[in-house]
Protein backbone atom coordinates (compact mmCIF):
# COMPACT_ATOMS: atom_id res chain seq x y z
CA MET A 1 155.58 96.70 205.44
CA GLY A 2 155.31 98.51 208.50
CA THR A 3 151.52 98.73 208.32
CA THR A 4 150.68 96.67 211.51
CA GLU A 5 149.08 99.38 213.42
CA ARG A 6 146.94 100.38 210.44
CA ALA A 7 145.98 96.67 209.54
CA ASP A 8 145.07 96.13 213.56
CA ARG A 9 142.84 99.27 213.25
CA PHE A 10 141.22 98.04 210.10
CA TYR A 11 140.64 94.72 211.63
CA GLY A 12 139.14 96.17 214.66
CA GLU A 13 137.00 98.55 213.12
CA GLN A 14 135.78 97.21 209.76
CA VAL A 15 136.12 93.37 209.78
CA LEU A 16 132.92 91.53 210.76
CA ASP A 17 132.21 87.80 211.22
CA ARG A 18 128.90 88.21 209.84
CA LEU A 19 126.77 90.25 207.87
CA ASN A 20 125.23 93.39 209.17
CA ASP A 21 121.91 95.02 208.31
CA ARG A 22 123.72 97.55 205.80
CA MET A 23 125.68 94.59 204.43
CA ARG A 24 122.73 92.62 203.81
CA ALA A 25 121.00 95.27 202.09
CA PHE A 26 124.03 95.94 199.84
CA VAL A 27 124.09 92.04 198.87
CA ALA A 28 120.34 92.13 197.98
CA ARG A 29 120.57 94.81 195.33
CA GLN A 30 123.90 93.42 193.55
CA GLU A 31 123.63 92.03 190.25
CA MET A 32 127.17 90.60 190.04
CA PHE A 33 130.24 89.34 192.04
CA PHE A 34 133.43 87.88 191.44
CA LEU A 35 134.13 84.42 193.10
CA ALA A 36 137.67 83.50 194.03
CA THR A 37 138.41 79.74 194.60
CA ALA A 38 141.49 77.37 194.87
CA ASP A 39 141.89 73.63 194.66
CA ARG A 40 143.53 71.38 197.01
CA HIS A 41 146.98 72.30 195.81
CA GLY A 42 146.33 76.03 196.20
CA ALA A 43 146.15 76.56 192.31
CA CYS A 44 143.68 79.78 192.12
CA ASP A 45 140.63 80.51 190.00
CA ASN A 46 138.71 83.46 189.69
CA THR A 47 135.44 83.97 187.94
CA PHE A 48 132.22 86.04 187.64
CA ARG A 49 128.66 85.52 188.41
CA ALA A 50 125.66 87.49 187.50
CA GLY A 51 121.92 87.52 187.73
CA PRO A 52 118.97 90.00 188.64
CA PRO A 53 118.98 91.69 191.81
CA GLY A 54 118.92 89.11 194.80
CA PHE A 55 120.27 86.44 192.99
CA LEU A 56 122.95 86.03 195.61
CA HIS A 57 120.66 85.18 198.74
CA VAL A 58 121.03 86.33 201.96
CA LEU A 59 119.59 83.35 204.08
CA ASP A 60 120.61 84.69 207.45
CA ASP A 61 123.48 87.11 208.84
CA THR A 62 126.18 84.21 208.34
CA THR A 63 124.89 82.59 205.28
CA LEU A 64 124.61 83.52 201.79
CA ALA A 65 123.52 81.06 198.63
CA TYR A 66 123.40 81.56 194.88
CA PRO A 67 122.29 79.12 192.22
CA GLU A 68 124.87 77.30 189.55
CA TYR A 69 123.46 77.05 186.10
CA ARG A 70 124.43 75.22 182.87
CA GLY A 71 127.90 76.62 181.52
CA ASN A 72 130.74 75.52 179.53
CA GLY A 73 130.95 72.10 181.28
CA VAL A 74 134.35 72.80 183.08
CA HIS A 75 132.86 73.56 186.60
CA ALA A 76 136.20 75.02 187.92
CA SER A 77 134.56 76.64 190.73
CA LEU A 78 132.61 73.87 191.76
CA GLY A 79 135.42 71.50 191.49
CA ASN A 80 137.46 73.63 193.39
CA ILE A 81 134.95 74.16 196.23
CA GLU A 82 134.59 70.07 196.24
CA GLU A 83 138.51 69.98 197.20
CA ASN A 84 138.93 73.24 199.16
CA PRO A 85 135.94 74.91 200.59
CA GLN A 86 137.47 78.50 201.39
CA VAL A 87 136.04 81.04 199.10
CA GLY A 88 136.24 84.62 198.50
CA LEU A 89 133.64 86.90 197.17
CA LEU A 90 133.79 90.47 196.06
CA MET A 91 130.76 92.76 195.20
CA VAL A 92 131.22 96.08 193.73
CA ASP A 93 128.65 98.51 193.22
CA PHE A 94 129.86 100.78 190.20
CA LEU A 95 126.45 102.55 189.85
CA ARG A 96 125.14 103.92 193.08
CA ASP A 97 127.23 103.45 196.05
CA ARG A 98 130.48 103.22 194.15
CA VAL A 99 131.98 100.85 197.04
CA GLY A 100 132.70 97.38 197.43
CA LEU A 101 132.24 94.64 199.98
CA HIS A 102 134.24 91.51 200.54
CA VAL A 103 132.83 88.27 201.99
CA ASN A 104 135.22 85.65 202.80
CA GLY A 105 134.07 82.04 204.20
CA ARG A 106 133.41 78.23 203.63
CA ALA A 107 131.21 76.94 200.91
CA ALA A 108 129.19 74.00 200.04
CA VAL A 109 127.66 72.46 196.91
CA VAL A 110 124.07 71.82 197.82
CA ALA A 111 121.33 69.99 195.55
CA ASP A 112 118.50 72.04 194.32
CA ALA A 113 115.96 69.89 196.14
CA GLU A 114 117.80 69.89 199.58
CA ILE A 115 118.12 73.62 199.64
CA ARG A 116 114.47 74.19 199.06
CA ARG A 117 113.54 71.80 201.65
CA ALA A 118 115.50 74.21 204.01
CA HIS A 119 114.39 77.26 202.42
CA PRO A 120 111.12 76.91 200.56
CA ARG A 121 110.77 80.69 199.77
CA LEU A 122 113.63 80.72 197.34
CA PRO A 123 112.40 81.63 193.64
CA ALA A 124 111.31 78.41 191.81
CA ASP A 125 112.77 80.01 188.42
CA GLN A 126 114.85 83.15 189.41
CA VAL A 127 116.21 83.76 185.85
CA PRO A 128 113.77 82.74 182.92
CA GLY A 129 115.13 80.12 180.64
CA ARG A 130 117.47 78.64 183.20
CA LYS A 131 117.35 76.04 186.07
CA ALA A 132 119.56 75.87 188.90
CA LEU A 133 121.55 72.50 188.76
CA VAL A 134 123.14 73.18 192.39
CA TRP A 135 123.53 75.73 194.63
CA VAL A 136 126.57 77.10 196.54
CA VAL A 137 126.04 77.91 200.06
CA ILE A 138 128.50 80.10 201.70
CA SER A 139 129.17 80.25 205.62
CA VAL A 140 130.54 83.94 206.44
CA GLU A 141 133.83 84.16 208.21
CA GLU A 142 134.87 87.58 207.41
CA ALA A 143 132.77 90.66 205.69
CA TYR A 144 134.46 93.87 205.28
CA ILE A 145 134.41 96.93 202.73
CA HIS A 146 136.50 97.60 199.85
CA CYS A 147 137.05 101.33 199.82
CA ALA A 148 135.90 103.56 197.00
CA LYS A 149 138.89 105.41 196.03
CA HIS A 150 139.88 103.36 192.89
CA ILE A 151 136.32 102.27 191.91
CA PRO A 152 135.28 104.08 188.70
CA HIS A 153 131.67 105.32 188.69
CA LEU A 154 129.65 103.66 185.85
CA GLN A 155 126.44 104.14 184.02
CA LYS A 156 123.97 101.29 183.25
CA ALA A 157 123.43 100.98 179.44
CA PRO A 158 120.05 100.73 178.31
CA ALA A 159 118.74 96.97 177.16
CA ARG A 160 119.16 95.94 173.73
CA GLY A 161 116.87 93.70 171.69
CA THR A 162 115.28 91.07 173.92
CA GLY A 163 117.61 91.49 176.80
CA ARG A 164 120.61 89.25 178.15
CA PRO A 165 121.00 86.06 176.55
CA TRP A 166 120.76 83.92 179.70
CA GLY A 167 121.43 80.23 179.63
CA THR A 168 122.15 80.63 175.76
CA ASP A 169 124.32 77.77 173.80
CA ASP A 170 124.59 80.16 170.99
CA ALA A 171 128.36 80.45 170.51
CA LYS A 172 128.13 84.14 168.92
CA ARG A 173 126.04 85.43 171.86
CA LYS A 174 128.34 84.04 174.26
CA GLY A 175 131.09 85.91 172.59
CA GLY A 176 132.35 83.65 170.07
CA ASP A 177 136.07 83.05 169.86
CA PHE A 178 136.77 86.52 170.84
CA PHE A 179 140.47 85.92 171.90
CA GLY A 180 141.06 83.66 168.80
CA ALA A 181 142.03 80.86 171.23
CA ALA A 182 140.26 77.99 168.64
CA ALA A 183 142.72 78.89 165.80
CA GLU A 184 145.71 77.84 167.98
CA ALA A 185 144.10 74.73 169.14
CA PRO A 186 145.12 72.47 166.39
CA GLN A 187 148.73 73.66 166.82
CA ARG A 188 149.08 72.95 170.51
CA GLY A 189 146.81 70.11 170.97
CA PRO A 190 144.65 69.39 173.71
CA TYR A 191 145.32 71.43 176.97
CA LEU A 192 146.60 69.60 179.89
CA PRO A 193 146.94 71.27 183.22
CA PRO A 194 150.50 70.88 184.87
CA PRO A 195 150.86 68.33 187.30
CA ARG A 196 150.62 69.28 190.92
CA PRO A 197 152.16 66.65 193.10
CA ASP A 198 150.70 66.62 196.55
CA ALA A 199 153.87 66.35 198.80
CA THR A 200 156.11 68.90 196.65
CA PRO A 201 156.91 71.77 198.74
CA TRP A 202 157.58 75.19 197.32
CA ARG A 203 161.43 76.04 196.30
CA PRO A 204 162.74 79.24 195.49
CA ASP A 205 164.14 79.30 192.01
CA ALA A 206 168.05 79.27 192.10
CA THR A 207 168.70 80.51 188.71
CA PRO A 208 169.52 84.08 189.86
CA TRP A 209 172.36 83.20 192.44
CA ARG A 210 173.73 80.10 190.64
CA ALA A 211 176.46 81.89 189.10
CA GLU A 212 177.53 83.52 192.65
CA ALA A 213 177.42 79.88 193.95
CA GLU A 214 179.71 78.78 191.39
CA GLN A 215 182.04 81.51 191.82
CA ALA A 216 182.26 80.67 195.78
CA LEU A 217 183.08 77.20 194.89
CA ALA A 218 185.85 78.31 192.58
CA ARG A 219 187.31 80.51 195.53
CA ALA A 220 187.11 77.51 197.98
CA ALA A 221 188.95 75.44 195.15
CA ARG A 222 191.58 78.04 194.93
CA TYR A 223 192.13 78.34 198.52
CA ALA A 224 192.59 74.33 198.81
CA ARG A 225 195.02 74.66 196.01
CA ALA A 226 196.99 77.36 197.78
CA GLY A 227 196.89 75.47 201.00
CA SER A 228 198.29 72.17 199.44
CA GLY A 229 201.98 72.71 200.37
CA THR A 230 201.02 72.13 204.16
CA VAL A 231 198.94 69.33 205.62
CA ALA A 232 196.93 71.80 207.72
CA GLY A 233 196.46 73.94 204.67
CA GLN A 234 195.27 70.97 202.74
CA GLU A 235 192.67 70.30 205.52
CA ALA A 236 191.50 73.72 205.85
CA GLY A 237 191.01 74.19 202.07
CA ALA A 238 189.29 70.98 201.81
CA ALA A 239 186.80 71.71 204.68
CA GLY A 240 186.32 75.26 202.96
CA ALA A 241 185.27 73.61 199.74
CA GLU A 242 182.99 70.94 201.40
CA ALA A 243 181.27 73.56 203.38
CA PHE A 244 180.46 75.79 200.17
CA SER A 245 179.52 72.30 198.41
CA GLY A 246 177.13 71.20 200.93
CA TRP A 247 175.50 74.64 201.48
CA PHE A 248 174.74 75.24 197.58
CA THR A 249 173.73 71.69 196.41
CA ARG A 250 171.64 70.05 199.31
CA SER A 251 168.02 70.36 199.22
CA ALA A 252 166.57 73.06 201.45
CA PRO A 253 164.87 71.58 204.58
CA ALA A 254 161.08 70.92 204.28
């Protein structure tokens, strides 16, 4: 894209391998972040985590940790982390600073009792009504700014009723069947993810140029027929057809 110089300057000036003082203060006041993970095949997942300010704990300048609570039972993020520890966090402050912070690193799933032995100052019941099942501990590899130019400036709404339904199993309070997926379930049957063989390399889709390849093969065949009157013509035509056929039909090298 011709942006090597700009990218080098950004890495040189903005990307750290740790959290500096301002980054740690920024993390400590966030109430939400987005989490990107991938499984061992590279299939990606992106999710959202939220809690009171400080629920994403800064253990030191290279380590973050957050609790995982009882959810829908899928455990997509935890499953991915067990297979592939690389994670990406994005925190966005829509209310005050209108800026974001990226943190990329390696994650590990740690039992609640184990992390508390190492960090006894962690709150015992950070979110009322919820108990941490496990913790995700992230070793920071990259930390850098997400610029403000496209981040909207939002305003916090006043609390309604008894507050947020932390840890609820009430389907309506969790959003119910907002997108109408349940109505389609009997028709499509149980969802099964597509198979992802470990050793299958990525191949480009041949469909767009298949017609062009067939035309080239047809031309090669015509050359072969045109040269059929002489031995040299037959040999040249056959060689041309074989070259075209081999190029477009054999598997690409791994």
